[in-house]
C-alpha atoms as a PDB file:
ATOM      1  CA  MET A   1    -170.117  16.065 -36.616  1.00  0.00           C
ATOM      2  CA  ARG A   2    -166.966  14.238 -35.603  1.00  0.00           C
ATOM      3  CA  LEU A   3    -167.232  11.792 -32.700  1.00  0.00           C
ATOM      4  CA  ALA A   4    -164.478   9.861 -30.922  1.00  0.00           C
ATOM      5  CA  THR A   5    -163.656   7.851 -27.808  1.00  0.00           C
ATOM      6  CA  LEU A   6    -161.009   9.319 -25.501  1.00  0.00           C
ATOM      7  CA  ASP A   7    -160.195   7.804 -22.115  1.00  0.00           C
ATOM      8  CA  GLY A   8    -163.214   5.508 -22.562  1.00  0.00           C
ATOM      9  CA  ARG A   9    -165.661   8.416 -22.890  1.00  0.00           C
ATOM     10  CA  VAL A  10    -167.587   9.686 -25.896  1.00  0.00           C
ATOM     11  CA  VAL A  11    -166.414  13.100 -27.115  1.00  0.00           C
ATOM     12  CA  LEU A  12    -167.143  15.522 -29.962  1.00  0.00           C
ATOM     13  CA  ARG A  13    -164.491  17.421 -31.855  1.00  0.00           C
ATOM     14  CA  ARG A  14    -164.637  21.139 -31.267  1.00  0.00           C
ATOM     15  CA  GLY A  15    -161.829  23.137 -32.874  1.00  0.00           C
ATOM     16  CA  ASP A  16    -158.438  21.704 -31.901  1.00  0.00           C
ATOM     17  CA  GLY A  17    -159.775  19.539 -29.082  1.00  0.00           C
ATOM     18  CA  HIS A  18    -162.697  17.368 -28.086  1.00  0.00           C
ATOM     19  CA  VAL A  19    -165.626  18.141 -25.800  1.00  0.00           C
ATOM     20  CA  ASP A  20    -166.717  15.518 -23.262  1.00  0.00           C
ATOM     21  CA  VAL A  21    -170.357  14.740 -24.114  1.00  0.00           C
ATOM     22  CA  ALA A  22    -171.523  13.746 -20.624  1.00  0.00           C
ATOM     23  CA  THR A  23    -170.103  16.933 -19.123  1.00  0.00           C
ATOM     24  CA  ALA A  24    -171.259  19.263 -21.884  1.00  0.00           C
ATOM     25  CA  SER A  25    -174.781  17.788 -21.949  1.00  0.00           C
ATOM     26  CA  GLU A  26    -175.012  17.975 -18.138  1.00  0.00           C
ATOM     27  CA  GLY A  27    -175.825  14.270 -18.002  1.00  0.00           C
ATOM     28  CA  ARG A  28    -178.438  14.164 -20.742  1.00  0.00           C
ATOM     29  CA  PHE A  29    -176.114  11.740 -22.515  1.00  0.00           C
ATOM     30  CA  GLY A  30    -173.785   9.507 -20.549  1.00  0.00           C
ATOM     31  CA  PRO A  31    -170.072   8.846 -21.098  1.00  0.00           C
ATOM     32  CA  ASP A  32    -170.505   5.404 -22.737  1.00  0.00           C
ATOM     33  CA  PRO A  33    -169.548   5.714 -26.440  1.00  0.00           C
ATOM     34  CA  GLN A  34    -171.668   2.746 -27.468  1.00  0.00           C
ATOM     35  CA  ALA A  35    -174.811   4.121 -25.808  1.00  0.00           C
ATOM     36  CA  VAL A  36    -175.116   7.073 -28.200  1.00  0.00           C
ATOM     37  CA  TYR A  37    -175.934   4.739 -31.090  1.00  0.00           C
ATOM     38  CA  ALA A  38    -178.977   3.340 -29.281  1.00  0.00           C
ATOM     39  CA  ASP A  39    -180.352   6.913 -29.147  1.00  0.00           C
ATOM     40  CA  TRP A  40    -178.657   8.197 -32.271  1.00  0.00           C
ATOM     41  CA  GLU A  41    -181.400  10.459 -33.624  1.00  0.00           C
ATOM     42  CA  ALA A  42    -181.700  12.408 -30.349  1.00  0.00           C
ATOM     43  CA  PHE A  43    -177.944  12.507 -29.861  1.00  0.00           C
ATOM     44  CA  ALA A  44    -177.255  13.748 -33.385  1.00  0.00           C
ATOM     45  CA  ALA A  45    -179.905  16.465 -33.024  1.00  0.00           C
ATOM     46  CA  TRP A  46    -178.312  17.667 -29.779  1.00  0.00           C
ATOM     47  CA  ALA A  47    -174.786  17.558 -31.216  1.00  0.00           C
ATOM     48  CA  ARG A  48    -175.737  19.599 -34.278  1.00  0.00           C
ATOM     49  CA  VAL A  49    -176.866  22.567 -32.184  1.00  0.00           C
ATOM     50  CA  HIS A  50    -174.459  22.257 -29.250  1.00  0.00           C
ATOM     51  CA  PRO A  51    -171.935  25.108 -29.486  1.00  0.00           C
ATOM     52  CA  SER A  52    -168.473  24.680 -27.995  1.00  0.00           C
ATOM     53  CA  GLU A  53    -168.678  27.872 -25.986  1.00  0.00           C
ATOM     54  CA  VAL A  54    -171.349  26.493 -23.641  1.00  0.00           C
ATOM     55  CA  ALA A  55    -169.171  23.560 -22.619  1.00  0.00           C
ATOM     56  CA  HIS A  56    -168.001  23.381 -19.032  1.00  0.00           C
ATOM     57  CA  PRO A  57    -164.414  24.601 -18.525  1.00  0.00           C
ATOM     58  CA  ASP A  58    -163.230  21.050 -17.867  1.00  0.00           C
ATOM     59  CA  ALA A  59    -165.056  19.537 -20.843  1.00  0.00           C
ATOM     60  CA  THR A  60    -162.420  20.085 -23.536  1.00  0.00           C
ATOM     61  CA  ILE A  61    -159.893  17.265 -23.922  1.00  0.00           C
ATOM     62  CA  PRO A  62    -156.603  17.599 -25.869  1.00  0.00           C
ATOM     63  CA  THR A  63    -156.052  15.063 -28.639  1.00  0.00           C
ATOM     64  CA  GLU A  64    -152.286  14.646 -28.756  1.00  0.00           C
ATOM     65  CA  ALA A  65    -151.691  12.132 -25.971  1.00  0.00           C
ATOM     66  CA  GLU A  66    -151.092   8.546 -27.027  1.00  0.00           C
ATOM     67  CA  GLY A  67    -152.831   5.597 -25.423  1.00  0.00           C
ATOM     68  CA  ARG A  68    -156.054   7.510 -24.910  1.00  0.00           C
ATOM     69  CA  TRP A  69    -157.956   6.736 -28.104  1.00  0.00           C
ATOM     70  CA  GLY A  70    -160.470   3.916 -28.168  1.00  0.00           C
ATOM     71  CA  PRO A  71    -162.587   2.744 -31.086  1.00  0.00           C
ATOM     72  CA  PRO A  72    -165.430   5.206 -31.753  1.00  0.00           C
ATOM     73  CA  VAL A  73    -167.729   2.170 -31.672  1.00  0.00           C
ATOM     74  CA  PRO A  74    -166.358  -0.041 -28.879  1.00  0.00           C
ATOM     75  CA  GLY A  75    -169.092  -2.668 -28.523  1.00  0.00           C
ATOM     76  CA  PRO A  76    -171.056  -3.350 -31.710  1.00  0.00           C
ATOM     77  CA  ALA A  77    -173.595  -6.162 -31.686  1.00  0.00           C
ATOM     78  CA  GLN A  78    -172.470  -7.222 -35.166  1.00  0.00           C
ATOM     79  CA  ILE A  79    -169.404  -6.631 -37.349  1.00  0.00           C
ATOM     80  CA  PHE A  80    -169.827  -7.386 -41.029  1.00  0.00           C
ATOM     81  CA  ALA A  81    -166.849  -7.467 -43.383  1.00  0.00           C
ATOM     82  CA  ILE A  82    -166.842  -7.655 -47.157  1.00  0.00           C
ATOM     83  CA  GLY A  83    -164.245  -9.467 -49.220  1.00  0.00           C
ATOM     84  CA  LEU A  84    -163.353  -8.941 -52.892  1.00  0.00           C
ATOM     85  CA  ASN A  85    -165.192  -5.625 -53.211  1.00  0.00           C
ATOM     86  CA  TYR A  86    -162.740  -3.788 -55.503  1.00  0.00           C
ATOM     87  CA  ARG A  87    -162.153  -5.041 -59.032  1.00  0.00           C
ATOM     88  CA  ASP A  88    -158.406  -4.480 -58.875  1.00  0.00           C
ATOM     89  CA  HIS A  89    -158.210  -6.542 -55.668  1.00  0.00           C
ATOM     90  CA  VAL A  90    -160.259  -9.312 -57.306  1.00  0.00           C
ATOM     91  CA  ALA A  91    -157.792  -9.286 -60.221  1.00  0.00           C
ATOM     92  CA  GLU A  92    -154.676  -9.406 -58.041  1.00  0.00           C
ATOM     93  CA  SER A  93    -156.262 -12.343 -56.152  1.00  0.00           C
ATOM     94  CA  GLY A  94    -156.728 -14.262 -59.423  1.00  0.00           C
ATOM     95  CA  LEU A  95    -160.490 -14.550 -58.934  1.00  0.00           C
ATOM     96  CA  THR A  96    -163.618 -13.513 -60.798  1.00  0.00           C
ATOM     97  CA  VAL A  97    -165.842 -10.555 -59.932  1.00  0.00           C
ATOM     98  CA  PRO A  98    -168.522 -11.823 -57.504  1.00  0.00           C
ATOM     99  CA  ASP A  99    -172.256 -11.608 -58.186  1.00  0.00           C
ATOM    100  CA  GLU A 100    -172.964 -11.317 -54.462  1.00  0.00           C
ATOM    101  CA  PRO A 101    -170.931  -9.675 -51.679  1.00  0.00           C
ATOM    102  CA  ALA A 102    -168.497 -12.058 -49.991  1.00  0.00           C
ATOM    103  CA  VAL A 103    -169.429 -11.594 -46.323  1.00  0.00           C
ATOM    104  CA  PHE A 104    -167.582 -12.657 -43.187  1.00  0.00           C
ATOM    105  CA  THR A 105    -167.237 -11.259 -39.668  1.00  0.00           C
ATOM    106  CA  LYS A 106    -164.520  -9.926 -37.429  1.00  0.00           C
ATOM    107  CA  PHE A 107    -165.111 -10.717 -33.765  1.00  0.00           C
ATOM    108  CA  ALA A 108    -165.643  -7.750 -31.453  1.00  0.00           C
ATOM    109  CA  SER A 109    -162.662  -8.692 -29.269  1.00  0.00           C
ATOM    110  CA  SER A 110    -160.401  -7.655 -32.185  1.00  0.00           C
ATOM    111  CA  LEU A 111    -161.528  -4.003 -32.025  1.00  0.00           C
ATOM    112  CA  THR A 112    -159.082  -1.317 -31.003  1.00  0.00           C
ATOM    113  CA  GLY A 113    -158.563   2.374 -31.699  1.00  0.00           C
ATOM    114  CA  HIS A 114    -156.208   4.994 -33.068  1.00  0.00           C
ATOM    115  CA  ARG A 115    -152.548   4.710 -32.013  1.00  0.00           C
ATOM    116  CA  ALA A 116    -153.064   1.120 -30.892  1.00  0.00           C
ATOM    117  CA  ARG A 117    -150.131  -1.216 -30.276  1.00  0.00           C
ATOM    118  CA  VAL A 118    -150.879  -4.527 -32.000  1.00  0.00           C
ATOM    119  CA  VAL A 119    -148.890  -7.670 -31.224  1.00  0.00           C
ATOM    120  CA  LEU A 120    -148.108  -9.708 -34.329  1.00  0.00           C
ATOM    121  CA  PRO A 121    -148.862 -13.431 -33.969  1.00  0.00           C
ATOM    122  CA  GLU A 122    -146.787 -16.057 -35.714  1.00  0.00           C
ATOM    123  CA  GLY A 123    -147.535 -16.245 -39.412  1.00  0.00           C
ATOM    124  CA  SER A 124    -147.912 -13.666 -42.160  1.00  0.00           C
ATOM    125  CA  VAL A 125    -149.890 -10.576 -41.144  1.00  0.00           C
ATOM    126  CA  ASP A 126    -151.218  -8.485 -44.014  1.00  0.00           C
ATOM    127  CA  TRP A 127    -152.809  -5.027 -44.232  1.00  0.00           C
ATOM    128  CA  GLU A 128    -156.203  -4.113 -45.734  1.00  0.00           C
ATOM    129  CA  ALA A 129    -157.234  -0.434 -45.700  1.00  0.00           C
ATOM    130  CA  GLU A 130    -161.011  -0.039 -45.546  1.00  0.00           C
ATOM    131  CA  LEU A 131    -163.850   2.429 -45.215  1.00  0.00           C
ATOM    132  CA  VAL A 132    -166.036   1.390 -42.274  1.00  0.00           C
ATOM    133  CA  VAL A 133    -169.754   2.184 -42.109  1.00  0.00           C
ATOM    134  CA  VAL A 134    -171.437   2.677 -38.721  1.00  0.00           C
ATOM    135  CA  ILE A 135    -175.178   1.979 -38.575  1.00  0.00           C
ATOM    136  CA  GLY A 136    -177.287   4.609 -36.790  1.00  0.00           C
ATOM    137  CA  GLN A 137    -180.827   3.317 -37.300  1.00  0.00           C
ATOM    138  CA  ARG A 138    -182.096  -0.255 -37.450  1.00  0.00           C
ATOM    139  CA  ALA A 139    -182.099  -1.419 -41.056  1.00  0.00           C
ATOM    140  CA  HIS A 140    -184.135  -4.406 -42.273  1.00  0.00           C
ATOM    141  CA  HIS A 141    -185.245  -4.866 -45.895  1.00  0.00           C
ATOM    142  CA  VAL A 142    -183.966  -1.387 -46.686  1.00  0.00           C
ATOM    143  CA  THR A 143    -184.262   0.127 -50.159  1.00  0.00           C
ATOM    144  CA  ARG A 144    -181.292   1.607 -51.933  1.00  0.00           C
ATOM    145  CA  GLU A 145    -182.844   5.068 -51.790  1.00  0.00           C
ATOM    146  CA  ALA A 146    -183.167   4.889 -48.004  1.00  0.00           C
ATOM    147  CA  ALA A 147    -179.847   3.192 -47.258  1.00  0.00           C
ATOM    148  CA  TRP A 148    -177.747   6.251 -46.374  1.00  0.00           C
ATOM    149  CA  SER A 149    -180.424   7.447 -43.910  1.00  0.00           C
ATOM    150  CA  HIS A 150    -179.628   4.406 -41.756  1.00  0.00           C
ATOM    151  CA  VAL A 151    -175.936   5.341 -41.463  1.00  0.00           C
ATOM    152  CA  ALA A 152    -174.640   7.198 -38.400  1.00  0.00           C
ATOM    153  CA  GLY A 153    -171.300   7.940 -40.006  1.00  0.00           C
ATOM    154  CA  LEU A 154    -168.082   6.670 -41.515  1.00  0.00           C
ATOM    155  CA  THR A 155    -164.718   5.834 -40.028  1.00  0.00           C
ATOM    156  CA  ILE A 156    -161.390   4.287 -41.044  1.00  0.00           C
ATOM    157  CA  GLY A 157    -160.550   0.630 -40.507  1.00  0.00           C
ATOM    158  CA  GLN A 158    -157.779  -1.889 -41.004  1.00  0.00           C
ATOM    159  CA  ASP A 159    -158.806  -5.481 -41.667  1.00  0.00           C
ATOM    160  CA  LEU A 160    -155.524  -6.959 -40.433  1.00  0.00           C
ATOM    161  CA  SER A 161    -155.274 -10.557 -41.637  1.00  0.00           C
ATOM    162  CA  GLU A 162    -153.029 -13.484 -40.756  1.00  0.00           C
ATOM    163  CA  ARG A 163    -152.802 -15.195 -44.132  1.00  0.00           C
ATOM    164  CA  ARG A 164    -151.379 -18.553 -43.047  1.00  0.00           C
ATOM    165  CA  LEU A 165    -154.361 -19.336 -40.815  1.00  0.00           C
ATOM    166  CA  GLN A 166    -156.778 -17.722 -43.257  1.00  0.00           C
ATOM    167  CA  LEU A 167    -155.815 -20.199 -45.975  1.00  0.00           C
ATOM    168  CA  ALA A 168    -155.272 -23.283 -43.790  1.00  0.00           C
ATOM    169  CA  GLY A 169    -157.535 -26.313 -43.885  1.00  0.00           C
ATOM    170  CA  PRO A 170    -160.171 -27.465 -46.348  1.00  0.00           C
ATOM    171  CA  ALA A 171    -162.034 -24.113 -46.203  1.00  0.00           C
ATOM    172  CA  PRO A 172    -160.749 -20.573 -45.597  1.00  0.00           C
ATOM    173  CA  GLN A 173    -160.704 -19.312 -42.000  1.00  0.00           C
ATOM    174  CA  PHE A 174    -161.501 -15.684 -42.789  1.00  0.00           C
ATOM    175  CA  SER A 175    -163.201 -14.672 -39.533  1.00  0.00           C
ATOM    176  CA  LEU A 176    -160.742 -16.389 -37.205  1.00  0.00           C
ATOM    177  CA  ALA A 177    -157.610 -15.261 -39.050  1.00  0.00           C
ATOM    178  CA  LYS A 178    -158.822 -11.665 -39.028  1.00  0.00           C
ATOM    179  CA  SER A 179    -159.772 -11.513 -35.342  1.00  0.00           C
ATOM    180  CA  TYR A 180    -156.573 -11.641 -33.300  1.00  0.00           C
ATOM    181  CA  PRO A 181    -156.474  -8.940 -30.598  1.00  0.00           C
ATOM    182  CA  GLY A 182    -156.100  -5.544 -32.252  1.00  0.00           C
ATOM    183  CA  PHE A 183    -156.818  -6.838 -35.761  1.00  0.00           C
ATOM    184  CA  ALA A 184    -159.741  -4.412 -36.199  1.00  0.00           C
ATOM    185  CA  PRO A 185    -158.386  -0.926 -35.476  1.00  0.00           C
ATOM    186  CA  ILE A 186    -160.931   1.778 -36.304  1.00  0.00           C
ATOM    187  CA  GLY A 187    -160.941   5.559 -35.882  1.00  0.00           C
ATOM    188  CA  PRO A 188    -159.684   8.056 -35.019  1.00  0.00           C
ATOM    189  CA  GLU A 189    -163.161   9.557 -35.367  1.00  0.00           C
ATOM    190  CA  LEU A 190    -166.595   8.801 -36.737  1.00  0.00           C
ATOM    191  CA  VAL A 191    -167.649  11.474 -39.238  1.00  0.00           C
ATOM    192  CA  THR A 192    -171.321  11.948 -40.077  1.00  0.00           C
ATOM    193  CA  VAL A 193    -172.412  11.622 -43.701  1.00  0.00           C
ATOM    194  CA  ASP A 194    -173.397  15.285 -44.035  1.00  0.00           C
ATOM    195  CA  GLU A 195    -169.715  16.265 -43.676  1.00  0.00           C
ATOM    196  CA  PHE A 196    -168.828  14.750 -47.091  1.00  0.00           C
ATOM    197  CA  ASP A 197    -169.424  16.307 -50.505  1.00  0.00           C
ATOM    198  CA  ASP A 198    -169.820  12.798 -51.944  1.00  0.00           C
ATOM    199  CA  PRO A 199    -169.693   9.916 -49.447  1.00  0.00           C
ATOM    200  CA  ASP A 200    -169.640   7.425 -52.343  1.00  0.00           C
ATOM    201  CA  ASP A 201    -166.299   8.702 -53.696  1.00  0.00           C
ATOM    202  CA  LEU A 202    -163.550   9.022 -51.086  1.00  0.00           C
ATOM    203  CA  GLU A 203    -159.824   8.408 -51.453  1.00  0.00           C
ATOM    204  CA  LEU A 204    -158.464   5.731 -49.143  1.00  0.00           C
ATOM    205  CA  GLY A 205    -155.216   3.898 -48.677  1.00  0.00           C
ATOM    206  CA  CYS A 206    -152.399   3.040 -46.323  1.00  0.00           C
ATOM    207  CA  ARG A 207    -148.660   3.543 -46.098  1.00  0.00           C
ATOM    208  CA  LEU A 208    -145.790   2.757 -43.794  1.00  0.00           C
ATOM    209  CA  GLU A 209    -144.244   5.446 -41.599  1.00  0.00           C
ATOM    210  CA  SER A 210    -141.171   5.170 -43.849  1.00  0.00           C
ATOM    211  CA  GLY A 211    -143.277   6.688 -46.638  1.00  0.00           C
ATOM    212  CA  GLU A 212    -143.870   3.552 -48.717  1.00  0.00           C
ATOM    213  CA  VAL A 213    -147.433   3.654 -50.060  1.00  0.00           C
ATOM    214  CA  LEU A 214    -149.025   0.210 -49.877  1.00  0.00           C
ATOM    215  CA  GLN A 215    -152.545   0.923 -51.133  1.00  0.00           C
ATOM    216  CA  LYS A 216    -154.317   3.892 -52.737  1.00  0.00           C
ATOM    217  CA  SER A 217    -157.725   3.951 -54.399  1.00  0.00           C
ATOM    218  CA  ARG A 218    -161.194   5.506 -54.194  1.00  0.00           C
ATOM    219  CA  THR A 219    -164.379   4.075 -52.713  1.00  0.00           C
ATOM    220  CA  SER A 220    -166.124   4.786 -56.036  1.00  0.00           C
ATOM    221  CA  GLN A 221    -164.234   1.715 -57.291  1.00  0.00           C
ATOM    222  CA  MET A 222    -166.225  -0.639 -55.055  1.00  0.00           C
ATOM    223  CA  ILE A 223    -168.152  -3.408 -56.803  1.00  0.00           C
ATOM    224  CA  PHE A 224    -170.940  -3.094 -54.218  1.00  0.00           C
ATOM    225  CA  ASP A 225    -171.135   0.468 -52.898  1.00  0.00           C
ATOM    226  CA  VAL A 226    -172.343   1.415 -49.418  1.00  0.00           C
ATOM    227  CA  PRO A 227    -176.072   1.621 -50.281  1.00  0.00           C
ATOM    228  CA  GLU A 228    -175.923  -1.701 -52.110  1.00  0.00           C
ATOM    229  CA  LEU A 229    -174.164  -3.382 -49.187  1.00  0.00           C
ATOM    230  CA  ILE A 230    -176.847  -2.137 -46.800  1.00  0.00           C
ATOM    231  CA  VAL A 231    -179.553  -3.404 -49.167  1.00  0.00           C
ATOM    232  CA  ARG A 232    -177.963  -6.859 -49.512  1.00  0.00           C
ATOM    233  CA  LEU A 233    -177.091  -7.310 -45.829  1.00  0.00           C
ATOM    234  CA  SER A 234    -180.413  -6.002 -44.502  1.00  0.00           C
ATOM    235  CA  ALA A 235    -182.291  -8.344 -46.832  1.00  0.00           C
ATOM    236  CA  VAL A 236    -180.977 -11.227 -44.709  1.00  0.00           C
ATOM    237  CA  CYS A 237    -180.660  -9.881 -41.170  1.00  0.00           C
ATOM    238  CA  PRO A 238    -181.405  -6.627 -39.360  1.00  0.00           C
ATOM    239  CA  LEU A 239    -178.536  -4.179 -39.064  1.00  0.00           C
ATOM    240  CA  LEU A 240    -178.596  -2.716 -35.577  1.00  0.00           C
ATOM    241  CA  PRO A 241    -177.581   0.715 -34.272  1.00  0.00           C
ATOM    242  CA  GLY A 242    -173.833   0.691 -33.683  1.00  0.00           C
ATOM    243  CA  ASP A 243    -173.133  -2.209 -36.048  1.00  0.00           C
ATOM    244  CA  LEU A 244    -170.026  -1.954 -38.242  1.00  0.00           C
ATOM    245  CA  VAL A 245    -169.584  -2.793 -41.914  1.00  0.00           C
ATOM    246  CA  PHE A 246    -166.000  -3.091 -43.173  1.00  0.00           C
ATOM    247  CA  THR A 247    -166.570  -2.417 -46.874  1.00  0.00           C
ATOM    248  CA  GLY A 248    -163.587  -4.157 -48.464  1.00  0.00           C
ATOM    249  CA  THR A 249    -160.057  -3.295 -49.551  1.00  0.00           C
ATOM    250  CA  PRO A 250    -158.493  -2.251 -52.867  1.00  0.00           C
ATOM    251  CA  ALA A 251    -155.446  -3.763 -54.570  1.00  0.00           C
ATOM    252  CA  GLY A 252    -152.014  -3.679 -52.995  1.00  0.00           C
ATOM    253  CA  VAL A 253    -152.217  -6.270 -50.221  1.00  0.00           C
ATOM    254  CA  GLY A 254    -148.946  -7.950 -49.314  1.00  0.00           C
ATOM    255  CA  GLY A 255    -150.051 -11.514 -49.941  1.00  0.00           C
ATOM    256  CA  ALA A 256    -150.741 -10.771 -53.619  1.00  0.00           C
ATOM    257  CA  ARG A 257    -147.299  -9.268 -54.283  1.00  0.00           C
ATOM    258  CA  SER A 258    -144.328 -10.995 -55.850  1.00  0.00           C
ATOM    259  CA  PRO A 259    -142.388 -11.396 -53.701  1.00  0.00           C
ATOM    260  CA  ARG A 260    -144.954 -11.354 -50.928  1.00  0.00           C
ATOM    261  CA  LYS A 261    -144.607  -8.683 -48.259  1.00  0.00           C
ATOM    262  CA  PHE A 262    -146.029  -8.688 -44.730  1.00  0.00           C
ATOM    263  CA  LEU A 263    -145.982  -6.514 -41.631  1.00  0.00           C
ATOM    264  CA  THR A 264    -143.014  -6.835 -39.277  1.00  0.00           C
ATOM    265  CA  PRO A 265    -142.344  -5.720 -35.690  1.00  0.00           C
ATOM    266  CA  GLY A 266    -141.509  -2.031 -35.594  1.00  0.00           C
ATOM    267  CA  ASP A 267    -143.717  -1.105 -38.542  1.00  0.00           C
ATOM    268  CA  GLU A 268    -145.995   1.913 -38.195  1.00  0.00           C
ATOM    269  CA  LEU A 269    -149.047   1.581 -40.435  1.00  0.00           C
ATOM    270  CA  LEU A 270    -150.922   4.757 -41.402  1.00  0.00           C
ATOM    271  CA  THR A 271    -154.352   4.290 -42.956  1.00  0.00           C
ATOM    272  CA  TRP A 272    -156.314   7.212 -44.350  1.00  0.00           C
ATOM    273  CA  VAL A 273    -159.746   7.997 -45.748  1.00  0.00           C
ATOM    274  CA  GLU A 274    -160.454  11.367 -47.332  1.00  0.00           C
ATOM    275  CA  GLY A 275    -162.471  13.622 -45.038  1.00  0.00           C
ATOM    276  CA  ILE A 276    -161.908  11.468 -41.943  1.00  0.00           C
ATOM    277  CA  GLY A 277    -158.192  11.564 -41.211  1.00  0.00           C
ATOM    278  CA  THR A 278    -155.445   9.041 -40.538  1.00  0.00           C
ATOM    279  CA  LEU A 279    -155.534   5.942 -38.354  1.00  0.00           C
ATOM    280  CA  ARG A 280    -152.139   5.018 -36.887  1.00  0.00           C
ATOM    281  CA  THR A 281    -151.323   1.438 -35.871  1.00  0.00           C
ATOM    282  CA  SER A 282    -147.962   0.231 -34.488  1.00  0.00           C
ATOM    283  CA  LEU A 283    -146.923  -3.403 -34.850  1.00  0.00           C
ATOM    284  CA  HIS A 284    -144.904  -5.244 -32.203  1.00  0.00           C
ATOM    285  CA  ALA A 285    -143.351  -8.631 -31.562  1.00  0.00           C
ATOM    286  CA  SER A 286    -145.025 -11.026 -29.159  1.00  0.00           C
END
């Protein structure tokens, strides 16, 4: 199943377009994308058996138009983000491999979707391609064996980061520096776990529209994989339906390069995860 938000409404991919869920379900499920996660088990069961041919004639929505995509999870209760979760990124940062996940948050006001226009603040804005986990069932003190059963699906994310603010002061400002408007683009779609041959080993990366590849790796290179992250996070606090977990970024960030390289107005950033697609983000001057 592939789920998205178009024109503020939850939709399912069917062939070359998307089917409006509220219309196709004749009101059984409403148009609010966030609401499906509160009733995820029932929604997923309906979506698995819903054939495209029974959709109303006006239910199919084309996907090409810009400015119509929202985040597939627009209003999560919690956003967790993991730092230093790839060994090559730890090495390029000049740090040691952590014994525990380095956890911070991105504030929900930073969320945006596919084809978003993001205004660059003053400073040095860096890219971080990430796999994003969407929680489908409440998870508290979850075992590793049960972890994937609590996941609704996976999507693509960019943990955009303003490095000057992040490193200012006596302690790092991770959450604040990574939460400017538009600094958490996710999408284009959420893809359920059953769509992947191996959800623990997916290629991911990002490049500029010019063709320059900035990052490329595989999620199998994570220090703490998805089940382990769910175990560690849920041991402290419940993970709620619709919560997001940004799982960390591999090597290749601009701040670790010599000379350093950052995003500039006019850049088009394309972020991909195998089996999900490509998330496009355009950067603009204030």
